[in-house]
Amino acid sequence: MTPFTEKVITVIRSIPEGQVMTYGGIARAAGSPRAARQVVRILHSMSRKYKLPWHRVVNVKGEIALADDESSSLQRLYLLGEGIVFDAKGVIDLQRYQYHPEPDEDYLLPPKE
């Protein structure tokens, strides 16, 4: 496993209940701001094995990005169960619910700009 993959897994595990992160936010926190697509791949291939809270990851617009209706419905149910509110268009208010890890956490995040 690459160091980046390890950091991505650690970042995803750190997302608290009732909060979300974007794919790009996870990539940035793991030290590679342009690797959002790689985060998607890691999340898809390793969520079950590492018991990741996959449902707490959304796109940059605050939307569920899963194309599969069953999976997106399940993600929505999990998020609602954690107290996250969607607007009428199915969008999460990232100003309210987005998690921003601190730069001094164990996985050595890059400093905030």
PDB file of N, CA and C in Angstrom:
ATOM      1  N   MET A   1       0.854  -1.175   0.000  1.00  0.00           N
ATOM      2  CA  MET A   1       0.000   0.000   0.000  1.00  0.00           C
ATOM      3  C   MET A   1       0.900   1.239   0.000  1.00  0.00           C
ATOM      4  N   THR A   2       0.558   2.217  -0.819  1.00  0.00           N
ATOM      5  CA  THR A   2       1.366   3.435  -0.903  1.00  0.00           C
ATOM      6  C   THR A   2       1.117   4.322   0.313  1.00  0.00           C
ATOM      7  N   PRO A   3       2.064   5.219   0.627  1.00  0.00           N
ATOM      8  CA  PRO A   3       1.852   6.155   1.735  1.00  0.00           C
ATOM      9  C   PRO A   3       0.602   7.021   1.516  1.00  0.00           C
ATOM     10  N   PHE A   4       0.358   7.414   0.262  1.00  0.00           N
ATOM     11  CA  PHE A   4      -0.834   8.220  -0.018  1.00  0.00           C
ATOM     12  C   PHE A   4      -2.102   7.437   0.308  1.00  0.00           C
ATOM     13  N   THR A   5      -2.169   6.187  -0.101  1.00  0.00           N
ATOM     14  CA  THR A   5      -3.341   5.355   0.189  1.00  0.00           C
ATOM     15  C   THR A   5      -3.540   5.220   1.693  1.00  0.00           C
ATOM     16  N   GLU A   6      -2.463   5.006   2.429  1.00  0.00           N
ATOM     17  CA  GLU A   6      -2.559   4.913   3.888  1.00  0.00           C
ATOM     18  C   GLU A   6      -3.117   6.195   4.488  1.00  0.00           C
ATOM     19  N   LYS A   7      -2.637   7.346   3.988  1.00  0.00           N
ATOM     20  CA  LYS A   7      -3.125   8.630   4.496  1.00  0.00           C
ATOM     21  C   LYS A   7      -4.600   8.826   4.160  1.00  0.00           C
ATOM     22  N   VAL A   8      -5.001   8.449   2.948  1.00  0.00           N
ATOM     23  CA  VAL A   8      -6.411   8.577   2.556  1.00  0.00           C
ATOM     24  C   VAL A   8      -7.289   7.754   3.493  1.00  0.00           C
ATOM     25  N   ILE A   9      -6.893   6.533   3.759  1.00  0.00           N
ATOM     26  CA  ILE A   9      -7.663   5.675   4.665  1.00  0.00           C
ATOM     27  C   ILE A   9      -7.753   6.310   6.049  1.00  0.00           C
ATOM     28  N   THR A  10      -6.645   6.856   6.544  1.00  0.00           N
ATOM     29  CA  THR A  10      -6.633   7.501   7.856  1.00  0.00           C
ATOM     30  C   THR A  10      -7.541   8.725   7.876  1.00  0.00           C
ATOM     31  N   VAL A  11      -7.477   9.534   6.828  1.00  0.00           N
ATOM     32  CA  VAL A  11      -8.326  10.729   6.754  1.00  0.00           C
ATOM     33  C   VAL A  11      -9.800  10.330   6.744  1.00  0.00           C
ATOM     34  N   ILE A  12     -10.169   9.369   5.918  1.00  0.00           N
ATOM     35  CA  ILE A  12     -11.575   8.949   5.835  1.00  0.00           C
ATOM     36  C   ILE A  12     -12.047   8.413   7.182  1.00  0.00           C
ATOM     37  N   ARG A  13     -11.217   7.634   7.842  1.00  0.00           N
ATOM     38  CA  ARG A  13     -11.588   7.103   9.166  1.00  0.00           C
ATOM     39  C   ARG A  13     -11.780   8.213  10.193  1.00  0.00           C
ATOM     40  N   SER A  14     -11.127   9.346   9.991  1.00  0.00           N
ATOM     41  CA  SER A  14     -11.194  10.441  10.961  1.00  0.00           C
ATOM     42  C   SER A  14     -12.444  11.306  10.824  1.00  0.00           C
ATOM     43  N   ILE A  15     -13.214  11.135   9.758  1.00  0.00           N
ATOM     44  CA  ILE A  15     -14.403  11.979   9.553  1.00  0.00           C
ATOM     45  C   ILE A  15     -15.416  11.644  10.643  1.00  0.00           C
ATOM     46  N   PRO A  16     -15.757  12.624  11.480  1.00  0.00           N
ATOM     47  CA  PRO A  16     -16.678  12.338  12.582  1.00  0.00           C
ATOM     48  C   PRO A  16     -18.118  12.117  12.113  1.00  0.00           C
ATOM     49  N   GLU A  17     -18.855  11.409  12.915  1.00  0.00           N
ATOM     50  CA  GLU A  17     -20.281  11.217  12.660  1.00  0.00           C
ATOM     51  C   GLU A  17     -20.937  12.588  12.580  1.00  0.00           C
ATOM     52  N   GLY A  18     -21.840  12.748  11.610  1.00  0.00           N
ATOM     53  CA  GLY A  18     -22.547  14.015  11.450  1.00  0.00           C
ATOM     54  C   GLY A  18     -21.798  15.040  10.625  1.00  0.00           C
ATOM     55  N   GLN A  19     -20.675  14.642  10.032  1.00  0.00           N
ATOM     56  CA  GLN A  19     -19.921  15.535   9.160  1.00  0.00           C
ATOM     57  C   GLN A  19     -19.530  14.780   7.892  1.00  0.00           C
ATOM     58  N   VAL A  20     -19.151  15.536   6.866  1.00  0.00           N
ATOM     59  CA  VAL A  20     -18.748  14.953   5.587  1.00  0.00           C
ATOM     60  C   VAL A  20     -17.452  15.598   5.117  1.00  0.00           C
ATOM     61  N   MET A  21     -16.813  14.951   4.170  1.00  0.00           N
ATOM     62  CA  MET A  21     -15.680  15.544   3.451  1.00  0.00           C
ATOM     63  C   MET A  21     -15.901  15.297   1.969  1.00  0.00           C
ATOM     64  N   THR A  22     -15.272  16.132   1.161  1.00  0.00           N
ATOM     65  CA  THR A  22     -15.322  15.939  -0.284  1.00  0.00           C
ATOM     66  C   THR A  22     -14.131  15.083  -0.717  1.00  0.00           C
ATOM     67  N   TYR A  23     -14.231  14.508  -1.905  1.00  0.00           N
ATOM     68  CA  TYR A  23     -13.126  13.716  -2.447  1.00  0.00           C
ATOM     69  C   TYR A  23     -11.855  14.572  -2.528  1.00  0.00           C
ATOM     70  N   GLY A  24     -12.004  15.793  -3.016  1.00  0.00           N
ATOM     71  CA  GLY A  24     -10.858  16.696  -3.122  1.00  0.00           C
ATOM     72  C   GLY A  24     -10.305  17.102  -1.772  1.00  0.00           C
ATOM     73  N   GLY A  25     -11.186  17.287  -0.795  1.00  0.00           N
ATOM     74  CA  GLY A  25     -10.739  17.627   0.556  1.00  0.00           C
ATOM     75  C   GLY A  25      -9.913  16.513   1.169  1.00  0.00           C
ATOM     76  N   ILE A  26     -10.320  15.286   0.919  1.00  0.00           N
ATOM     77  CA  ILE A  26      -9.568  14.129   1.417  1.00  0.00           C
ATOM     78  C   ILE A  26      -8.205  14.069   0.729  1.00  0.00           C
ATOM     79  N   ALA A  27      -8.179  14.263  -0.583  1.00  0.00           N
ATOM     80  CA  ALA A  27      -6.914  14.246  -1.323  1.00  0.00           C
ATOM     81  C   ALA A  27      -5.971  15.324  -0.791  1.00  0.00           C
ATOM     82  N   ARG A  28      -6.506  16.524  -0.569  1.00  0.00           N
ATOM     83  CA  ARG A  28      -5.711  17.635  -0.046  1.00  0.00           C
ATOM     84  C   ARG A  28      -5.160  17.292   1.339  1.00  0.00           C
ATOM     85  N   ALA A  29      -6.027  16.768   2.206  1.00  0.00           N
ATOM     86  CA  ALA A  29      -5.616  16.415   3.564  1.00  0.00           C
ATOM     87  C   ALA A  29      -4.561  15.307   3.566  1.00  0.00           C
ATOM     88  N   ALA A  30      -4.604  14.441   2.568  1.00  0.00           N
ATOM     89  CA  ALA A  30      -3.640  13.342   2.472  1.00  0.00           C
ATOM     90  C   ALA A  30      -2.356  13.764   1.756  1.00  0.00           C
ATOM     91  N   GLY A  31      -2.288  15.034   1.347  1.00  0.00           N
ATOM     92  CA  GLY A  31      -1.056  15.569   0.780  1.00  0.00           C
ATOM     93  C   GLY A  31      -0.963  15.615  -0.727  1.00  0.00           C
ATOM     94  N   SER A  32      -2.051  15.339  -1.425  1.00  0.00           N
ATOM     95  CA  SER A  32      -2.022  15.363  -2.888  1.00  0.00           C
ATOM     96  C   SER A  32      -3.304  16.015  -3.412  1.00  0.00           C
ATOM     97  N   PRO A  33      -3.349  17.350  -3.418  1.00  0.00           N
ATOM     98  CA  PRO A  33      -4.583  18.080  -3.725  1.00  0.00           C
ATOM     99  C   PRO A  33      -5.249  17.762  -5.062  1.00  0.00           C
ATOM    100  N   ARG A  34      -4.495  17.222  -6.009  1.00  0.00           N
ATOM    101  CA  ARG A  34      -5.062  16.961  -7.335  1.00  0.00           C
ATOM    102  C   ARG A  34      -5.450  15.501  -7.532  1.00  0.00           C
ATOM    103  N   ALA A  35      -5.563  14.753  -6.439  1.00  0.00           N
ATOM    104  CA  ALA A  35      -5.791  13.307  -6.540  1.00  0.00           C
ATOM    105  C   ALA A  35      -7.196  12.877  -6.132  1.00  0.00           C
ATOM    106  N   ALA A  36      -8.195  13.726  -6.379  1.00  0.00           N
ATOM    107  CA  ALA A  36      -9.570  13.384  -5.992  1.00  0.00           C
ATOM    108  C   ALA A  36     -10.036  12.083  -6.650  1.00  0.00           C
ATOM    109  N   ARG A  37      -9.672  11.875  -7.892  1.00  0.00           N
ATOM    110  CA  ARG A  37     -10.096  10.637  -8.576  1.00  0.00           C
ATOM    111  C   ARG A  37      -9.443   9.404  -7.963  1.00  0.00           C
ATOM    112  N   GLN A  38      -8.240   9.573  -7.485  1.00  0.00           N
ATOM    113  CA  GLN A  38      -7.575   8.455  -6.819  1.00  0.00           C
ATOM    114  C   GLN A  38      -8.290   8.140  -5.501  1.00  0.00           C
ATOM    115  N   VAL A  39      -8.785   9.164  -4.823  1.00  0.00           N
ATOM    116  CA  VAL A  39      -9.564   8.953  -3.595  1.00  0.00           C
ATOM    117  C   VAL A  39     -10.817   8.141  -3.917  1.00  0.00           C
ATOM    118  N   VAL A  40     -11.468   8.453  -5.024  1.00  0.00           N
ATOM    119  CA  VAL A  40     -12.651   7.690  -5.449  1.00  0.00           C
ATOM    120  C   VAL A  40     -12.284   6.215  -5.601  1.00  0.00           C
ATOM    121  N   ARG A  41     -11.178   5.950  -6.263  1.00  0.00           N
ATOM    122  CA  ARG A  41     -10.735   4.571  -6.487  1.00  0.00           C
ATOM    123  C   ARG A  41     -10.434   3.859  -5.166  1.00  0.00           C
ATOM    124  N   ILE A  42      -9.735   4.533  -4.283  1.00  0.00           N
ATOM    125  CA  ILE A  42      -9.398   3.943  -2.981  1.00  0.00           C
ATOM    126  C   ILE A  42     -10.668   3.660  -2.193  1.00  0.00           C
ATOM    127  N   LEU A  43     -11.571   4.617  -2.179  1.00  0.00           N
ATOM    128  CA  LEU A  43     -12.829   4.448  -1.443  1.00  0.00           C
ATOM    129  C   LEU A  43     -13.623   3.271  -1.999  1.00  0.00           C
ATOM    130  N   HIS A  44     -13.681   3.174  -3.315  1.00  0.00           N
ATOM    131  CA  HIS A  44     -14.429   2.091  -3.953  1.00  0.00           C
ATOM    132  C   HIS A  44     -13.813   0.723  -3.660  1.00  0.00           C
ATOM    133  N   SER A  45     -12.506   0.646  -3.718  1.00  0.00           N
ATOM    134  CA  SER A  45     -11.852  -0.662  -3.593  1.00  0.00           C
ATOM    135  C   SER A  45     -11.535  -1.084  -2.163  1.00  0.00           C
ATOM    136  N   MET A  46     -11.539  -0.145  -1.216  1.00  0.00           N
ATOM    137  CA  MET A  46     -11.070  -0.492   0.128  1.00  0.00           C
ATOM    138  C   MET A  46     -12.061  -0.222   1.252  1.00  0.00           C
ATOM    139  N   SER A  47     -13.233   0.314   0.936  1.00  0.00           N
ATOM    140  CA  SER A  47     -14.207   0.650   1.985  1.00  0.00           C
ATOM    141  C   SER A  47     -14.587  -0.541   2.840  1.00  0.00           C
ATOM    142  N   ARG A  48     -14.897  -1.634   2.207  1.00  0.00           N
ATOM    143  CA  ARG A  48     -15.337  -2.819   2.953  1.00  0.00           C
ATOM    144  C   ARG A  48     -14.185  -3.411   3.770  1.00  0.00           C
ATOM    145  N   LYS A  49     -13.050  -3.591   3.136  1.00  0.00           N
ATOM    146  CA  LYS A  49     -11.895  -4.216   3.796  1.00  0.00           C
ATOM    147  C   LYS A  49     -11.461  -3.443   5.041  1.00  0.00           C
ATOM    148  N   TYR A  50     -11.470  -2.113   4.957  1.00  0.00           N
ATOM    149  CA  TYR A  50     -11.001  -1.277   6.060  1.00  0.00           C
ATOM    150  C   TYR A  50     -12.140  -0.649   6.864  1.00  0.00           C
ATOM    151  N   LYS A  51     -13.366  -1.064   6.578  1.00  0.00           N
ATOM    152  CA  LYS A  51     -14.557  -0.570   7.286  1.00  0.00           C
ATOM    153  C   LYS A  51     -14.582   0.964   7.339  1.00  0.00           C
ATOM    154  N   LEU A  52     -14.440   1.559   6.172  1.00  0.00           N
ATOM    155  CA  LEU A  52     -14.410   3.019   6.073  1.00  0.00           C
ATOM    156  C   LEU A  52     -15.822   3.589   6.091  1.00  0.00           C
ATOM    157  N   PRO A  53     -16.004   4.759   6.696  1.00  0.00           N
ATOM    158  CA  PRO A  53     -17.309   5.418   6.664  1.00  0.00           C
ATOM    159  C   PRO A  53     -17.526   6.099   5.306  1.00  0.00           C
ATOM    160  N   TRP A  54     -17.658   5.286   4.275  1.00  0.00           N
ATOM    161  CA  TRP A  54     -17.766   5.739   2.885  1.00  0.00           C
ATOM    162  C   TRP A  54     -18.909   6.719   2.691  1.00  0.00           C
ATOM    163  N   HIS A  55     -19.946   6.583   3.494  1.00  0.00           N
ATOM    164  CA  HIS A  55     -21.134   7.418   3.323  1.00  0.00           C
ATOM    165  C   HIS A  55     -20.877   8.880   3.689  1.00  0.00           C
ATOM    166  N   ARG A  56     -19.774   9.171   4.347  1.00  0.00           N
ATOM    167  CA  ARG A  56     -19.453  10.547   4.745  1.00  0.00           C
ATOM    168  C   ARG A  56     -18.638  11.292   3.698  1.00  0.00           C
ATOM    169  N   VAL A  57     -18.517  10.720   2.511  1.00  0.00           N
ATOM    170  CA  VAL A  57     -17.749  11.349   1.435  1.00  0.00           C
ATOM    171  C   VAL A  57     -18.706  11.742   0.311  1.00  0.00           C
ATOM    172  N   VAL A  58     -18.673  13.032  -0.047  1.00  0.00           N
ATOM    173  CA  VAL A  58     -19.572  13.580  -1.072  1.00  0.00           C
ATOM    174  C   VAL A  58     -18.750  14.377  -2.084  1.00  0.00           C
ATOM    175  N   ASN A  59     -19.407  14.825  -3.138  1.00  0.00           N
ATOM    176  CA  ASN A  59     -18.673  15.610  -4.133  1.00  0.00           C
ATOM    177  C   ASN A  59     -18.541  17.066  -3.687  1.00  0.00           C
ATOM    178  N   VAL A  60     -17.823  17.837  -4.467  1.00  0.00           N
ATOM    179  CA  VAL A  60     -17.501  19.221  -4.119  1.00  0.00           C
ATOM    180  C   VAL A  60     -18.750  20.111  -4.016  1.00  0.00           C
ATOM    181  N   LYS A  61     -19.846  19.687  -4.618  1.00  0.00           N
ATOM    182  CA  LYS A  61     -21.100  20.446  -4.555  1.00  0.00           C
ATOM    183  C   LYS A  61     -21.931  20.082  -3.332  1.00  0.00           C
ATOM    184  N   GLY A  62     -21.491  19.085  -2.569  1.00  0.00           N
ATOM    185  CA  GLY A  62     -22.265  18.627  -1.416  1.00  0.00           C
ATOM    186  C   GLY A  62     -23.326  17.617  -1.803  1.00  0.00           C
ATOM    187  N   GLU A  63     -23.124  16.968  -2.936  1.00  0.00           N
ATOM    188  CA  GLU A  63     -24.091  15.985  -3.430  1.00  0.00           C
ATOM    189  C   GLU A  63     -23.532  14.572  -3.299  1.00  0.00           C
ATOM    190  N   ILE A  64     -24.428  13.621  -3.203  1.00  0.00           N
ATOM    191  CA  ILE A  64     -24.042  12.219  -3.257  1.00  0.00           C
ATOM    192  C   ILE A  64     -23.642  11.935  -4.696  1.00  0.00           C
ATOM    193  N   ALA A  65     -22.460  11.368  -4.874  1.00  0.00           N
ATOM    194  CA  ALA A  65     -21.926  11.176  -6.225  1.00  0.00           C
ATOM    195  C   ALA A  65     -22.141   9.775  -6.778  1.00  0.00           C
ATOM    196  N   LEU A  66     -22.709   8.892  -5.996  1.00  0.00           N
ATOM    197  CA  LEU A  66     -22.901   7.513  -6.453  1.00  0.00           C
ATOM    198  C   LEU A  66     -24.005   7.443  -7.502  1.00  0.00           C
ATOM    199  N   ALA A  67     -23.727   6.769  -8.599  1.00  0.00           N
ATOM    200  CA  ALA A  67     -24.698   6.657  -9.689  1.00  0.00           C
ATOM    201  C   ALA A  67     -25.752   5.585  -9.418  1.00  0.00           C
ATOM    202  N   ASP A  68     -25.369   4.560  -8.691  1.00  0.00           N
ATOM    203  CA  ASP A  68     -26.271   3.454  -8.379  1.00  0.00           C
ATOM    204  C   ASP A  68     -27.357   3.934  -7.410  1.00  0.00           C
ATOM    205  N   ASP A  69     -28.621   3.827  -7.818  1.00  0.00           N
ATOM    206  CA  ASP A  69     -29.731   4.314  -6.996  1.00  0.00           C
ATOM    207  C   ASP A  69     -29.762   3.686  -5.612  1.00  0.00           C
ATOM    208  N   GLU A  70     -29.515   2.386  -5.551  1.00  0.00           N
ATOM    209  CA  GLU A  70     -29.560   1.696  -4.260  1.00  0.00           C
ATOM    210  C   GLU A  70     -28.468   2.212  -3.323  1.00  0.00           C
ATOM    211  N   SER A  71     -27.262   2.365  -3.829  1.00  0.00           N
ATOM    212  CA  SER A  71     -26.147   2.854  -3.012  1.00  0.00           C
ATOM    213  C   SER A  71     -26.347   4.307  -2.603  1.00  0.00           C
ATOM    214  N   SER A  72     -26.826   5.138  -3.526  1.00  0.00           N
ATOM    215  CA  SER A  72     -27.037   6.547  -3.179  1.00  0.00           C
ATOM    216  C   SER A  72     -28.162   6.696  -2.167  1.00  0.00           C
ATOM    217  N   SER A  73     -29.198   5.874  -2.271  1.00  0.00           N
ATOM    218  CA  SER A  73     -30.282   5.904  -1.279  1.00  0.00           C
ATOM    219  C   SER A  73     -29.772   5.468   0.089  1.00  0.00           C
ATOM    220  N   LEU A  74     -28.921   4.457   0.111  1.00  0.00           N
ATOM    221  CA  LEU A  74     -28.347   3.977   1.363  1.00  0.00           C
ATOM    222  C   LEU A  74     -27.451   5.048   1.982  1.00  0.00           C
ATOM    223  N   GLN A  75     -26.644   5.713   1.154  1.00  0.00           N
ATOM    224  CA  GLN A  75     -25.783   6.776   1.656  1.00  0.00           C
ATOM    225  C   GLN A  75     -26.628   7.899   2.252  1.00  0.00           C
ATOM    226  N   ARG A  76     -27.684   8.268   1.568  1.00  0.00           N
ATOM    227  CA  ARG A  76     -28.568   9.324   2.069  1.00  0.00           C
ATOM    228  C   ARG A  76     -29.176   8.927   3.412  1.00  0.00           C
ATOM    229  N   LEU A  77     -29.634   7.681   3.532  1.00  0.00           N
ATOM    230  CA  LEU A  77     -30.212   7.207   4.796  1.00  0.00           C
ATOM    231  C   LEU A  77     -29.200   7.258   5.931  1.00  0.00           C
ATOM    232  N   TYR A  78     -27.975   6.812   5.656  1.00  0.00           N
ATOM    233  CA  TYR A  78     -26.926   6.851   6.681  1.00  0.00           C
ATOM    234  C   TYR A  78     -26.658   8.286   7.131  1.00  0.00           C
ATOM    235  N   LEU A  79     -26.561   9.200   6.170  1.00  0.00           N
ATOM    236  CA  LEU A  79     -26.281  10.595   6.508  1.00  0.00           C
ATOM    237  C   LEU A  79     -27.440  11.226   7.278  1.00  0.00           C
ATOM    238  N   LEU A  80     -28.653  10.960   6.848  1.00  0.00           N
ATOM    239  CA  LEU A  80     -29.819  11.464   7.587  1.00  0.00           C
ATOM    240  C   LEU A  80     -29.814  10.924   9.013  1.00  0.00           C
ATOM    241  N   GLY A  81     -29.448   9.662   9.165  1.00  0.00           N
ATOM    242  CA  GLY A  81     -29.375   9.044  10.480  1.00  0.00           C
ATOM    243  C   GLY A  81     -28.339   9.687  11.387  1.00  0.00           C
ATOM    244  N   GLU A  82     -27.345  10.340  10.793  1.00  0.00           N
ATOM    245  CA  GLU A  82     -26.318  11.040  11.563  1.00  0.00           C
ATOM    246  C   GLU A  82     -26.668  12.512  11.762  1.00  0.00           C
ATOM    247  N   GLY A  83     -27.863  12.912  11.316  1.00  0.00           N
ATOM    248  CA  GLY A  83     -28.313  14.281  11.536  1.00  0.00           C
ATOM    249  C   GLY A  83     -27.963  15.259  10.436  1.00  0.00           C
ATOM    250  N   ILE A  84     -27.453  14.783   9.329  1.00  0.00           N
ATOM    251  CA  ILE A  84     -27.115  15.666   8.215  1.00  0.00           C
ATOM    252  C   ILE A  84     -28.381  15.958   7.424  1.00  0.00           C
ATOM    253  N   VAL A  85     -28.577  17.224   7.117  1.00  0.00           N
ATOM    254  CA  VAL A  85     -29.785  17.682   6.436  1.00  0.00           C
ATOM    255  C   VAL A  85     -29.470  17.962   4.963  1.00  0.00           C
ATOM    256  N   PHE A  86     -30.379  17.551   4.101  1.00  0.00           N
ATOM    257  CA  PHE A  86     -30.290  17.830   2.668  1.00  0.00           C
ATOM    258  C   PHE A  86     -31.308  18.911   2.333  1.00  0.00           C
ATOM    259  N   ASP A  87     -30.986  19.783   1.367  1.00  0.00           N
ATOM    260  CA  ASP A  87     -31.985  20.747   0.921  1.00  0.00           C
ATOM    261  C   ASP A  87     -32.934  20.064  -0.066  1.00  0.00           C
ATOM    262  N   ALA A  88     -33.863  20.829  -0.620  1.00  0.00           N
ATOM    263  CA  ALA A  88     -34.879  20.271  -1.516  1.00  0.00           C
ATOM    264  C   ALA A  88     -34.274  19.638  -2.776  1.00  0.00           C
ATOM    265  N   LYS A  89     -33.067  20.069  -3.149  1.00  0.00           N
ATOM    266  CA  LYS A  89     -32.407  19.521  -4.340  1.00  0.00           C
ATOM    267  C   LYS A  89     -31.459  18.368  -4.001  1.00  0.00           C
ATOM    268  N   GLY A  90     -31.431  17.963  -2.738  1.00  0.00           N
ATOM    269  CA  GLY A  90     -30.576  16.852  -2.331  1.00  0.00           C
ATOM    270  C   GLY A  90     -29.136  17.240  -2.063  1.00  0.00           C
ATOM    271  N   VAL A  91     -28.919  18.509  -1.739  1.00  0.00           N
ATOM    272  CA  VAL A  91     -27.569  19.020  -1.511  1.00  0.00           C
ATOM    273  C   VAL A  91     -27.336  19.244  -0.015  1.00  0.00           C
ATOM    274  N   ILE A  92     -26.144  18.897   0.434  1.00  0.00           N
ATOM    275  CA  ILE A  92     -25.731  19.110   1.819  1.00  0.00           C
ATOM    276  C   ILE A  92     -25.037  20.465   1.906  1.00  0.00           C
ATOM    277  N   ASP A  93     -25.332  21.231   2.948  1.00  0.00           N
ATOM    278  CA  ASP A  93     -24.684  22.520   3.182  1.00  0.00           C
ATOM    279  C   ASP A  93     -23.267  22.263   3.709  1.00  0.00           C
ATOM    280  N   LEU A  94     -22.282  22.390   2.834  1.00  0.00           N
ATOM    281  CA  LEU A  94     -20.906  22.114   3.233  1.00  0.00           C
ATOM    282  C   LEU A  94     -20.380  23.129   4.241  1.00  0.00           C
ATOM    283  N   GLN A  95     -20.920  24.340   4.223  1.00  0.00           N
ATOM    284  CA  GLN A  95     -20.510  25.328   5.225  1.00  0.00           C
ATOM    285  C   GLN A  95     -20.831  24.831   6.634  1.00  0.00           C
ATOM    286  N   ARG A  96     -21.880  24.077   6.738  1.00  0.00           N
ATOM    287  CA  ARG A  96     -22.339  23.584   8.040  1.00  0.00           C
ATOM    288  C   ARG A  96     -21.769  22.205   8.399  1.00  0.00           C
ATOM    289  N   TYR A  97     -21.678  21.309   7.429  1.00  0.00           N
ATOM    290  CA  TYR A  97     -21.368  19.909   7.723  1.00  0.00           C
ATOM    291  C   TYR A  97     -19.980  19.426   7.294  1.00  0.00           C
ATOM    292  N   GLN A  98     -19.225  20.259   6.578  1.00  0.00           N
ATOM    293  CA  GLN A  98     -17.930  19.776   6.088  1.00  0.00           C
ATOM    294  C   GLN A  98     -16.903  19.733   7.210  1.00  0.00           C
ATOM    295  N   TYR A  99     -16.201  18.616   7.281  1.00  0.00           N
ATOM    296  CA  TYR A  99     -15.141  18.411   8.271  1.00  0.00           C
ATOM    297  C   TYR A  99     -13.820  18.902   7.702  1.00  0.00           C
ATOM    298  N   HIS A 100     -13.090  19.660   8.514  1.00  0.00           N
ATOM    299  CA  HIS A 100     -11.768  20.159   8.137  1.00  0.00           C
ATOM    300  C   HIS A 100     -10.764  19.657   9.173  1.00  0.00           C
ATOM    301  N   PRO A 101     -10.000  18.620   8.840  1.00  0.00           N
ATOM    302  CA  PRO A 101      -9.026  18.101   9.804  1.00  0.00           C
ATOM    303  C   PRO A 101      -7.990  19.160  10.172  1.00  0.00           C
ATOM    304  N   GLU A 102      -7.480  19.069  11.373  1.00  0.00           N
ATOM    305  CA  GLU A 102      -6.437  19.988  11.823  1.00  0.00           C
ATOM    306  C   GLU A 102      -5.088  19.557  11.244  1.00  0.00           C
ATOM    307  N   PRO A 103      -4.224  20.511  10.907  1.00  0.00           N
ATOM    308  CA  PRO A 103      -2.940  20.155  10.303  1.00  0.00           C
ATOM    309  C   PRO A 103      -1.995  19.407  11.245  1.00  0.00           C
ATOM    310  N   ASP A 104      -2.267  19.415  12.534  1.00  0.00           N
ATOM    311  CA  ASP A 104      -1.356  18.747  13.465  1.00  0.00           C
ATOM    312  C   ASP A 104      -1.791  17.317  13.801  1.00  0.00           C
ATOM    313  N   GLU A 105      -2.771  16.785  13.090  1.00  0.00           N
ATOM    314  CA  GLU A 105      -3.210  15.419  13.353  1.00  0.00           C
ATOM    315  C   GLU A 105      -2.133  14.431  12.918  1.00  0.00           C
ATOM    316  N   ASP A 106      -2.234  13.208  13.417  1.00  0.00           N
ATOM    317  CA  ASP A 106      -1.200  12.181  13.247  1.00  0.00           C
ATOM    318  C   ASP A 106      -0.722  11.985  11.814  1.00  0.00           C
ATOM    319  N   TYR A 107      -1.599  12.130  10.859  1.00  0.00           N
ATOM    320  CA  TYR A 107      -1.211  11.815   9.489  1.00  0.00           C
ATOM    321  C   TYR A 107      -0.567  12.987   8.765  1.00  0.00           C
ATOM    322  N   LEU A 108      -0.154  13.994   9.515  1.00  0.00           N
ATOM    323  CA  LEU A 108       0.639  15.101   8.985  1.00  0.00           C
ATOM    324  C   LEU A 108       0.032  15.773   7.765  1.00  0.00           C
ATOM    325  N   LEU A 109      -1.030  16.458   8.000  1.00  0.00           N
ATOM    326  CA  LEU A 109      -1.690  17.195   6.930  1.00  0.00           C
ATOM    327  C   LEU A 109      -0.838  18.389   6.520  1.00  0.00           C
ATOM    328  N   PRO A 110      -0.956  18.813   5.287  1.00  0.00           N
ATOM    329  CA  PRO A 110      -0.252  20.033   4.897  1.00  0.00           C
ATOM    330  C   PRO A 110      -0.860  21.219   5.643  1.00  0.00           C
ATOM    331  N   PRO A 111      -0.098  22.263   5.887  1.00  0.00           N
ATOM    332  CA  PRO A 111      -0.636  23.415   6.623  1.00  0.00           C
ATOM    333  C   PRO A 111      -1.788  24.078   5.875  1.00  0.00           C
ATOM    334  N   LYS A 112      -2.722  24.648   6.656  1.00  0.00           N
ATOM    335  CA  LYS A 112      -3.846  25.372   6.039  1.00  0.00           C
ATOM    336  C   LYS A 112      -3.322  26.634   5.381  1.00  0.00           C
ATOM    337  N   GLU A 113      -3.964  27.013   4.285  1.00  0.00           N
ATOM    338  CA  GLU A 113      -3.538  28.223   3.580  1.00  0.00           C
ATOM    339  C   GLU A 113      -4.325  29.409   4.075  1.00  0.00           C
TER     340      GLU A 113
END
